[in-house]
Amino acid sequence: MKSSITFFIIPLLLFTIIGSALAMWYDVLKIKTSIDTGSVDVKFGGIIYVEEFENKEVASCSATFTDVENEDLGNPTGDNDLELSIVVSNAYPCYICKVNSVDVENIGTIPVKVKLDRVVAYPSEKLCEQKFDPTRGPYFECDVDGDKDADINLWGSFTSFIYDVQLEPGGYKSFTVELHVKQGAEEDSSFTVQIYLKARQYNE
């Protein structure tokens, strides 16, 4: 008789224990990760002023910030920048124009490295050739008309961007651009030289 009772009690206890386990309360811990990506965005700034040399009453030089072109079609922040436009009129060989106190500003949210990408002369669409002077450092010679004779030299501390310049968010670096018209420049000609600076994320 006792063995029969035991036979029924043991399964009953097992069902009770299993039922209690299934009915236990429980708690869950979650790890939620939210990521807001930063932005790479640089612009020109500063209070620019122009110096002219060699009979400035004849030629003229001016510098302004203006919208030249969308420099980066795939970048949502690439179409809101003003470029530095330097205009020289009635120029002649040996004329020199120096643009001072231009800033490259990091207005994005992450550090960036800014580097000189290229210097191009138009209408020849030729890359200007980088050279080095022992007393003045690196500079560029540009053949704007494609006749294999340099028409303009570009000097100035903008050449520091030949090497990576890191800018923290809110940081800036000032530079100068100096243009020198050479003997190879043709009379009554118009040409353009564009200096391209490229900013990228600092750890690329």
C-alpha atoms as a PDB file:
ATOM      1  CA  MET A   1       0.000   0.000   0.000  1.00  0.00           C
ATOM      2  CA  LYS A   2       2.813   2.347   0.946  1.00  0.00           C
ATOM      3  CA  SER A   3       4.584   1.661  -2.306  1.00  0.00           C
ATOM      4  CA  SER A   4       1.405   2.547  -4.220  1.00  0.00           C
ATOM      5  CA  ILE A   5       1.075   5.852  -2.377  1.00  0.00           C
ATOM      6  CA  THR A   6       4.744   6.574  -3.006  1.00  0.00           C
ATOM      7  CA  PHE A   7       4.225   5.781  -6.694  1.00  0.00           C
ATOM      8  CA  PHE A   8       1.540   8.493  -6.898  1.00  0.00           C
ATOM      9  CA  ILE A   9       3.200  11.075  -4.580  1.00  0.00           C
ATOM     10  CA  ILE A  10       6.565  11.208  -6.346  1.00  0.00           C
ATOM     11  CA  PRO A  11       5.106  12.121  -9.798  1.00  0.00           C
ATOM     12  CA  LEU A  12       2.832  14.653  -8.089  1.00  0.00           C
ATOM     13  CA  LEU A  13       5.821  16.321  -6.412  1.00  0.00           C
ATOM     14  CA  LEU A  14       7.713  16.374  -9.716  1.00  0.00           C
ATOM     15  CA  PHE A  15       4.771  18.054 -11.493  1.00  0.00           C
ATOM     16  CA  THR A  16       4.546  20.596  -8.654  1.00  0.00           C
ATOM     17  CA  ILE A  17       8.248  21.456  -8.862  1.00  0.00           C
ATOM     18  CA  ILE A  18       8.184  21.731 -12.664  1.00  0.00           C
ATOM     19  CA  GLY A  19       5.019  23.855 -12.510  1.00  0.00           C
ATOM     20  CA  SER A  20       6.663  26.183  -9.994  1.00  0.00           C
ATOM     21  CA  ALA A  21       9.699  26.551 -12.222  1.00  0.00           C
ATOM     22  CA  LEU A  22       7.582  27.420 -15.247  1.00  0.00           C
ATOM     23  CA  ALA A  23       5.610  29.978 -13.254  1.00  0.00           C
ATOM     24  CA  MET A  24       8.684  31.838 -11.869  1.00  0.00           C
ATOM     25  CA  TRP A  25       8.948  35.550 -12.466  1.00  0.00           C
ATOM     26  CA  TYR A  26      11.852  36.765 -14.539  1.00  0.00           C
ATOM     27  CA  ASP A  27      13.645  39.955 -15.568  1.00  0.00           C
ATOM     28  CA  VAL A  28      15.585  40.943 -18.705  1.00  0.00           C
ATOM     29  CA  LEU A  29      18.523  43.336 -19.072  1.00  0.00           C
ATOM     30  CA  LYS A  30      19.025  45.039 -22.435  1.00  0.00           C
ATOM     31  CA  ILE A  31      21.979  46.873 -23.914  1.00  0.00           C
ATOM     32  CA  LYS A  32      20.842  49.623 -26.294  1.00  0.00           C
ATOM     33  CA  THR A  33      23.450  51.358 -28.418  1.00  0.00           C
ATOM     34  CA  SER A  34      22.725  54.667 -30.197  1.00  0.00           C
ATOM     35  CA  ILE A  35      25.263  56.151 -32.596  1.00  0.00           C
ATOM     36  CA  ASP A  36      25.197  59.664 -34.033  1.00  0.00           C
ATOM     37  CA  THR A  37      27.781  60.035 -36.795  1.00  0.00           C
ATOM     38  CA  GLY A  38      29.928  63.144 -37.016  1.00  0.00           C
ATOM     39  CA  SER A  39      30.469  65.425 -39.987  1.00  0.00           C
ATOM     40  CA  VAL A  40      33.483  66.528 -42.010  1.00  0.00           C
ATOM     41  CA  ASP A  41      32.996  70.159 -42.969  1.00  0.00           C
ATOM     42  CA  VAL A  42      35.557  72.891 -43.593  1.00  0.00           C
ATOM     43  CA  LYS A  43      35.271  76.410 -44.919  1.00  0.00           C
ATOM     44  CA  PHE A  44      37.327  79.490 -45.693  1.00  0.00           C
ATOM     45  CA  GLY A  45      37.201  82.378 -43.263  1.00  0.00           C
ATOM     46  CA  GLY A  46      39.227  85.218 -41.850  1.00  0.00           C
ATOM     47  CA  ILE A  47      39.479  88.893 -42.708  1.00  0.00           C
ATOM     48  CA  ILE A  48      41.480  88.899 -45.909  1.00  0.00           C
ATOM     49  CA  TYR A  49      43.561  91.810 -47.107  1.00  0.00           C
ATOM     50  CA  VAL A  50      45.602  92.265 -50.250  1.00  0.00           C
ATOM     51  CA  GLU A  51      49.101  93.640 -50.759  1.00  0.00           C
ATOM     52  CA  GLU A  52      50.244  94.778 -54.192  1.00  0.00           C
ATOM     53  CA  PHE A  53      53.789  95.372 -55.354  1.00  0.00           C
ATOM     54  CA  GLU A  54      55.429  96.944 -58.393  1.00  0.00           C
ATOM     55  CA  ASN A  55      53.487  99.948 -59.690  1.00  0.00           C
ATOM     56  CA  LYS A  56      50.087  99.021 -58.238  1.00  0.00           C
ATOM     57  CA  GLU A  57      48.486 102.064 -59.899  1.00  0.00           C
ATOM     58  CA  VAL A  58      48.473 100.161 -63.212  1.00  0.00           C
ATOM     59  CA  ALA A  59      47.357  96.642 -62.264  1.00  0.00           C
ATOM     60  CA  SER A  60      44.823  95.727 -59.601  1.00  0.00           C
ATOM     61  CA  CYS A  61      44.239  92.742 -57.345  1.00  0.00           C
ATOM     62  CA  SER A  62      41.249  91.832 -55.186  1.00  0.00           C
ATOM     63  CA  ALA A  63      40.207  88.828 -53.124  1.00  0.00           C
ATOM     64  CA  THR A  64      36.727  87.809 -51.984  1.00  0.00           C
ATOM     65  CA  PHE A  65      34.832  84.765 -50.765  1.00  0.00           C
ATOM     66  CA  THR A  66      32.369  83.671 -53.433  1.00  0.00           C
ATOM     67  CA  ASP A  67      30.457  80.585 -54.589  1.00  0.00           C
ATOM     68  CA  VAL A  68      32.576  79.208 -57.434  1.00  0.00           C
ATOM     69  CA  GLU A  69      31.361  75.613 -57.751  1.00  0.00           C
ATOM     70  CA  ASN A  70      30.072  72.619 -55.833  1.00  0.00           C
ATOM     71  CA  GLU A  71      33.366  70.978 -54.974  1.00  0.00           C
ATOM     72  CA  ASP A  72      31.922  67.669 -53.736  1.00  0.00           C
ATOM     73  CA  LEU A  73      28.686  66.430 -55.311  1.00  0.00           C
ATOM     74  CA  GLY A  74      28.441  63.374 -53.038  1.00  0.00           C
ATOM     75  CA  ASN A  75      28.815  65.271 -49.779  1.00  0.00           C
ATOM     76  CA  PRO A  76      25.701  66.787 -48.129  1.00  0.00           C
ATOM     77  CA  THR A  77      27.896  69.525 -46.647  1.00  0.00           C
ATOM     78  CA  GLY A  78      29.818  70.030 -49.884  1.00  0.00           C
ATOM     79  CA  ASP A  79      27.586  72.624 -51.529  1.00  0.00           C
ATOM     80  CA  ASN A  80      27.491  75.287 -48.841  1.00  0.00           C
ATOM     81  CA  ASP A  81      31.048  76.599 -49.036  1.00  0.00           C
ATOM     82  CA  LEU A  82      32.404  79.833 -50.403  1.00  0.00           C
ATOM     83  CA  GLU A  83      35.716  79.671 -52.224  1.00  0.00           C
ATOM     84  CA  LEU A  84      38.535  82.193 -52.199  1.00  0.00           C
ATOM     85  CA  SER A  85      38.450  84.105 -55.480  1.00  0.00           C
ATOM     86  CA  ILE A  86      41.500  86.227 -56.377  1.00  0.00           C
ATOM     87  CA  VAL A  87      41.072  88.528 -59.380  1.00  0.00           C
ATOM     88  CA  VAL A  88      44.017  90.273 -61.027  1.00  0.00           C
ATOM     89  CA  SER A  89      43.359  92.835 -63.755  1.00  0.00           C
ATOM     90  CA  ASN A  90      45.670  94.558 -66.240  1.00  0.00           C
ATOM     91  CA  ALA A  91      48.578  92.404 -65.098  1.00  0.00           C
ATOM     92  CA  TYR A  92      52.042  92.455 -66.619  1.00  0.00           C
ATOM     93  CA  PRO A  93      55.344  90.595 -66.094  1.00  0.00           C
ATOM     94  CA  CYS A  94      56.813  90.963 -62.577  1.00  0.00           C
ATOM     95  CA  TYR A  95      53.489  92.087 -61.082  1.00  0.00           C
ATOM     96  CA  ILE A  96      53.021  90.586 -57.602  1.00  0.00           C
ATOM     97  CA  CYS A  97      49.828  90.288 -55.578  1.00  0.00           C
ATOM     98  CA  LYS A  98      49.770  88.821 -52.057  1.00  0.00           C
ATOM     99  CA  VAL A  99      46.567  87.743 -50.283  1.00  0.00           C
ATOM    100  CA  ASN A 100      46.899  87.551 -46.501  1.00  0.00           C
ATOM    101  CA  SER A 101      45.047  86.199 -43.461  1.00  0.00           C
ATOM    102  CA  VAL A 102      42.876  83.554 -45.098  1.00  0.00           C
ATOM    103  CA  ASP A 103      41.712  80.801 -42.724  1.00  0.00           C
ATOM    104  CA  VAL A 104      40.776  77.186 -43.278  1.00  0.00           C
ATOM    105  CA  GLU A 105      38.260  76.467 -40.512  1.00  0.00           C
ATOM    106  CA  ASN A 106      36.984  73.113 -39.271  1.00  0.00           C
ATOM    107  CA  ILE A 107      33.264  73.692 -38.708  1.00  0.00           C
ATOM    108  CA  GLY A 108      32.505  69.968 -38.555  1.00  0.00           C
ATOM    109  CA  THR A 109      32.262  67.801 -35.454  1.00  0.00           C
ATOM    110  CA  ILE A 110      35.305  65.536 -35.867  1.00  0.00           C
ATOM    111  CA  PRO A 111      39.016  66.269 -36.376  1.00  0.00           C
ATOM    112  CA  VAL A 112      40.104  66.525 -40.005  1.00  0.00           C
ATOM    113  CA  LYS A 113      43.309  66.472 -41.964  1.00  0.00           C
ATOM    114  CA  VAL A 114      43.540  69.084 -44.713  1.00  0.00           C
ATOM    115  CA  LYS A 115      45.931  68.580 -47.597  1.00  0.00           C
ATOM    116  CA  LEU A 116      46.723  70.344 -50.865  1.00  0.00           C
ATOM    117  CA  ASP A 117      45.141  68.140 -53.514  1.00  0.00           C
ATOM    118  CA  ARG A 118      46.261  69.857 -56.727  1.00  0.00           C
ATOM    119  CA  VAL A 119      46.870  73.194 -58.449  1.00  0.00           C
ATOM    120  CA  VAL A 120      45.376  73.458 -61.950  1.00  0.00           C
ATOM    121  CA  ALA A 121      45.789  76.128 -64.629  1.00  0.00           C
ATOM    122  CA  TYR A 122      42.998  76.975 -67.069  1.00  0.00           C
ATOM    123  CA  PRO A 123      42.304  77.134 -70.011  1.00  0.00           C
ATOM    124  CA  SER A 124      45.182  74.667 -70.531  1.00  0.00           C
ATOM    125  CA  GLU A 125      43.769  72.403 -67.759  1.00  0.00           C
ATOM    126  CA  LYS A 126      47.333  71.482 -66.875  1.00  0.00           C
ATOM    127  CA  LEU A 127      48.558  70.675 -63.392  1.00  0.00           C
ATOM    128  CA  CYS A 128      50.897  73.326 -62.065  1.00  0.00           C
ATOM    129  CA  GLU A 129      54.367  72.004 -61.350  1.00  0.00           C
ATOM    130  CA  GLN A 130      55.607  71.973 -57.762  1.00  0.00           C
ATOM    131  CA  LYS A 131      59.126  73.324 -57.331  1.00  0.00           C
ATOM    132  CA  PHE A 132      61.415  74.341 -54.484  1.00  0.00           C
ATOM    133  CA  ASP A 133      63.414  77.479 -53.855  1.00  0.00           C
ATOM    134  CA  PRO A 134      66.152  77.280 -51.167  1.00  0.00           C
ATOM    135  CA  THR A 135      65.259  80.690 -49.732  1.00  0.00           C
ATOM    136  CA  ARG A 136      61.455  80.683 -50.054  1.00  0.00           C
ATOM    137  CA  GLY A 137      60.550  77.021 -49.913  1.00  0.00           C
ATOM    138  CA  PRO A 138      58.046  75.193 -52.136  1.00  0.00           C
ATOM    139  CA  TYR A 139      56.130  77.011 -54.868  1.00  0.00           C
ATOM    140  CA  PHE A 140      54.173  76.249 -58.050  1.00  0.00           C
ATOM    141  CA  GLU A 141      54.757  77.202 -61.673  1.00  0.00           C
ATOM    142  CA  CYS A 142      51.713  77.269 -63.946  1.00  0.00           C
ATOM    143  CA  ASP A 143      51.588  77.101 -67.739  1.00  0.00           C
ATOM    144  CA  VAL A 144      48.109  78.519 -68.285  1.00  0.00           C
ATOM    145  CA  ASP A 145      48.126  78.579 -72.102  1.00  0.00           C
ATOM    146  CA  GLY A 146      49.828  75.237 -72.714  1.00  0.00           C
ATOM    147  CA  ASP A 147      52.835  76.625 -74.622  1.00  0.00           C
ATOM    148  CA  LYS A 148      55.315  74.916 -72.234  1.00  0.00           C
ATOM    149  CA  ASP A 149      56.382  78.299 -70.846  1.00  0.00           C
ATOM    150  CA  ALA A 150      55.344  79.178 -67.267  1.00  0.00           C
ATOM    151  CA  ASP A 151      53.031  82.178 -67.020  1.00  0.00           C
ATOM    152  CA  ILE A 152      52.601  82.513 -63.260  1.00  0.00           C
ATOM    153  CA  ASN A 153      54.246  81.498 -60.003  1.00  0.00           C
ATOM    154  CA  LEU A 154      52.316  80.817 -56.811  1.00  0.00           C
ATOM    155  CA  TRP A 155      54.013  81.261 -53.451  1.00  0.00           C
ATOM    156  CA  GLY A 156      52.810  81.602 -49.898  1.00  0.00           C
ATOM    157  CA  SER A 157      52.128  79.595 -46.772  1.00  0.00           C
ATOM    158  CA  PHE A 158      49.246  77.775 -48.517  1.00  0.00           C
ATOM    159  CA  THR A 159      52.050  75.390 -49.520  1.00  0.00           C
ATOM    160  CA  SER A 160      52.117  74.162 -45.886  1.00  0.00           C
ATOM    161  CA  PHE A 161      49.104  72.085 -46.922  1.00  0.00           C
ATOM    162  CA  ILE A 162      51.404  70.002 -49.126  1.00  0.00           C
ATOM    163  CA  TYR A 163      51.632  67.988 -45.915  1.00  0.00           C
ATOM    164  CA  ASP A 164      48.658  66.966 -43.772  1.00  0.00           C
ATOM    165  CA  VAL A 165      47.446  69.719 -41.452  1.00  0.00           C
ATOM    166  CA  GLN A 166      45.198  68.428 -38.671  1.00  0.00           C
ATOM    167  CA  LEU A 167      42.411  70.701 -37.439  1.00  0.00           C
ATOM    168  CA  GLU A 168      40.320  69.965 -34.377  1.00  0.00           C
ATOM    169  CA  PRO A 169      36.609  70.918 -34.392  1.00  0.00           C
ATOM    170  CA  GLY A 170      36.493  74.707 -34.145  1.00  0.00           C
ATOM    171  CA  GLY A 171      40.166  74.970 -35.093  1.00  0.00           C
ATOM    172  CA  TYR A 172      41.674  76.848 -38.020  1.00  0.00           C
ATOM    173  CA  LYS A 173      44.919  77.554 -39.843  1.00  0.00           C
ATOM    174  CA  SER A 174      45.765  80.833 -41.563  1.00  0.00           C
ATOM    175  CA  PHE A 175      47.670  81.053 -44.823  1.00  0.00           C
ATOM    176  CA  THR A 176      48.730  83.416 -47.604  1.00  0.00           C
ATOM    177  CA  VAL A 177      48.729  83.191 -51.400  1.00  0.00           C
ATOM    178  CA  GLU A 178      51.208  85.170 -53.500  1.00  0.00           C
ATOM    179  CA  LEU A 179      50.882  85.454 -57.290  1.00  0.00           C
ATOM    180  CA  HIS A 180      53.745  86.486 -59.527  1.00  0.00           C
ATOM    181  CA  VAL A 181      53.147  87.118 -63.238  1.00  0.00           C
ATOM    182  CA  LYS A 182      56.048  85.860 -65.357  1.00  0.00           C
ATOM    183  CA  GLN A 183      57.470  86.888 -68.728  1.00  0.00           C
ATOM    184  CA  GLY A 184      55.698  83.963 -70.395  1.00  0.00           C
ATOM    185  CA  ALA A 185      52.256  85.523 -69.861  1.00  0.00           C
ATOM    186  CA  GLU A 186      50.665  86.722 -73.108  1.00  0.00           C
ATOM    187  CA  GLU A 187      49.226  90.219 -73.527  1.00  0.00           C
ATOM    188  CA  ASP A 188      45.417  90.577 -73.496  1.00  0.00           C
ATOM    189  CA  SER A 189      44.960  87.051 -72.154  1.00  0.00           C
ATOM    190  CA  SER A 190      42.688  85.720 -69.412  1.00  0.00           C
ATOM    191  CA  PHE A 191      43.462  82.694 -67.339  1.00  0.00           C
ATOM    192  CA  THR A 192      42.500  80.999 -64.111  1.00  0.00           C
ATOM    193  CA  VAL A 193      44.461  79.041 -61.541  1.00  0.00           C
ATOM    194  CA  GLN A 194      42.602  76.920 -58.994  1.00  0.00           C
ATOM    195  CA  ILE A 195      44.092  75.576 -55.771  1.00  0.00           C
ATOM    196  CA  TYR A 196      42.242  72.542 -54.426  1.00  0.00           C
ATOM    197  CA  LEU A 197      42.407  71.694 -50.722  1.00  0.00           C
ATOM    198  CA  LYS A 198      40.885  68.416 -49.559  1.00  0.00           C
ATOM    199  CA  ALA A 199      39.711  67.656 -46.018  1.00  0.00           C
ATOM    200  CA  ARG A 200      39.168  64.130 -44.785  1.00  0.00           C
ATOM    201  CA  GLN A 201      38.565  62.423 -41.456  1.00  0.00           C
ATOM    202  CA  TYR A 202      41.714  62.554 -39.341  1.00  0.00           C
ATOM    203  CA  ASN A 203      42.209  58.778 -39.004  1.00  0.00           C
ATOM    204  CA  GLU A 204      41.726  57.845 -42.656  1.00  0.00           C
END
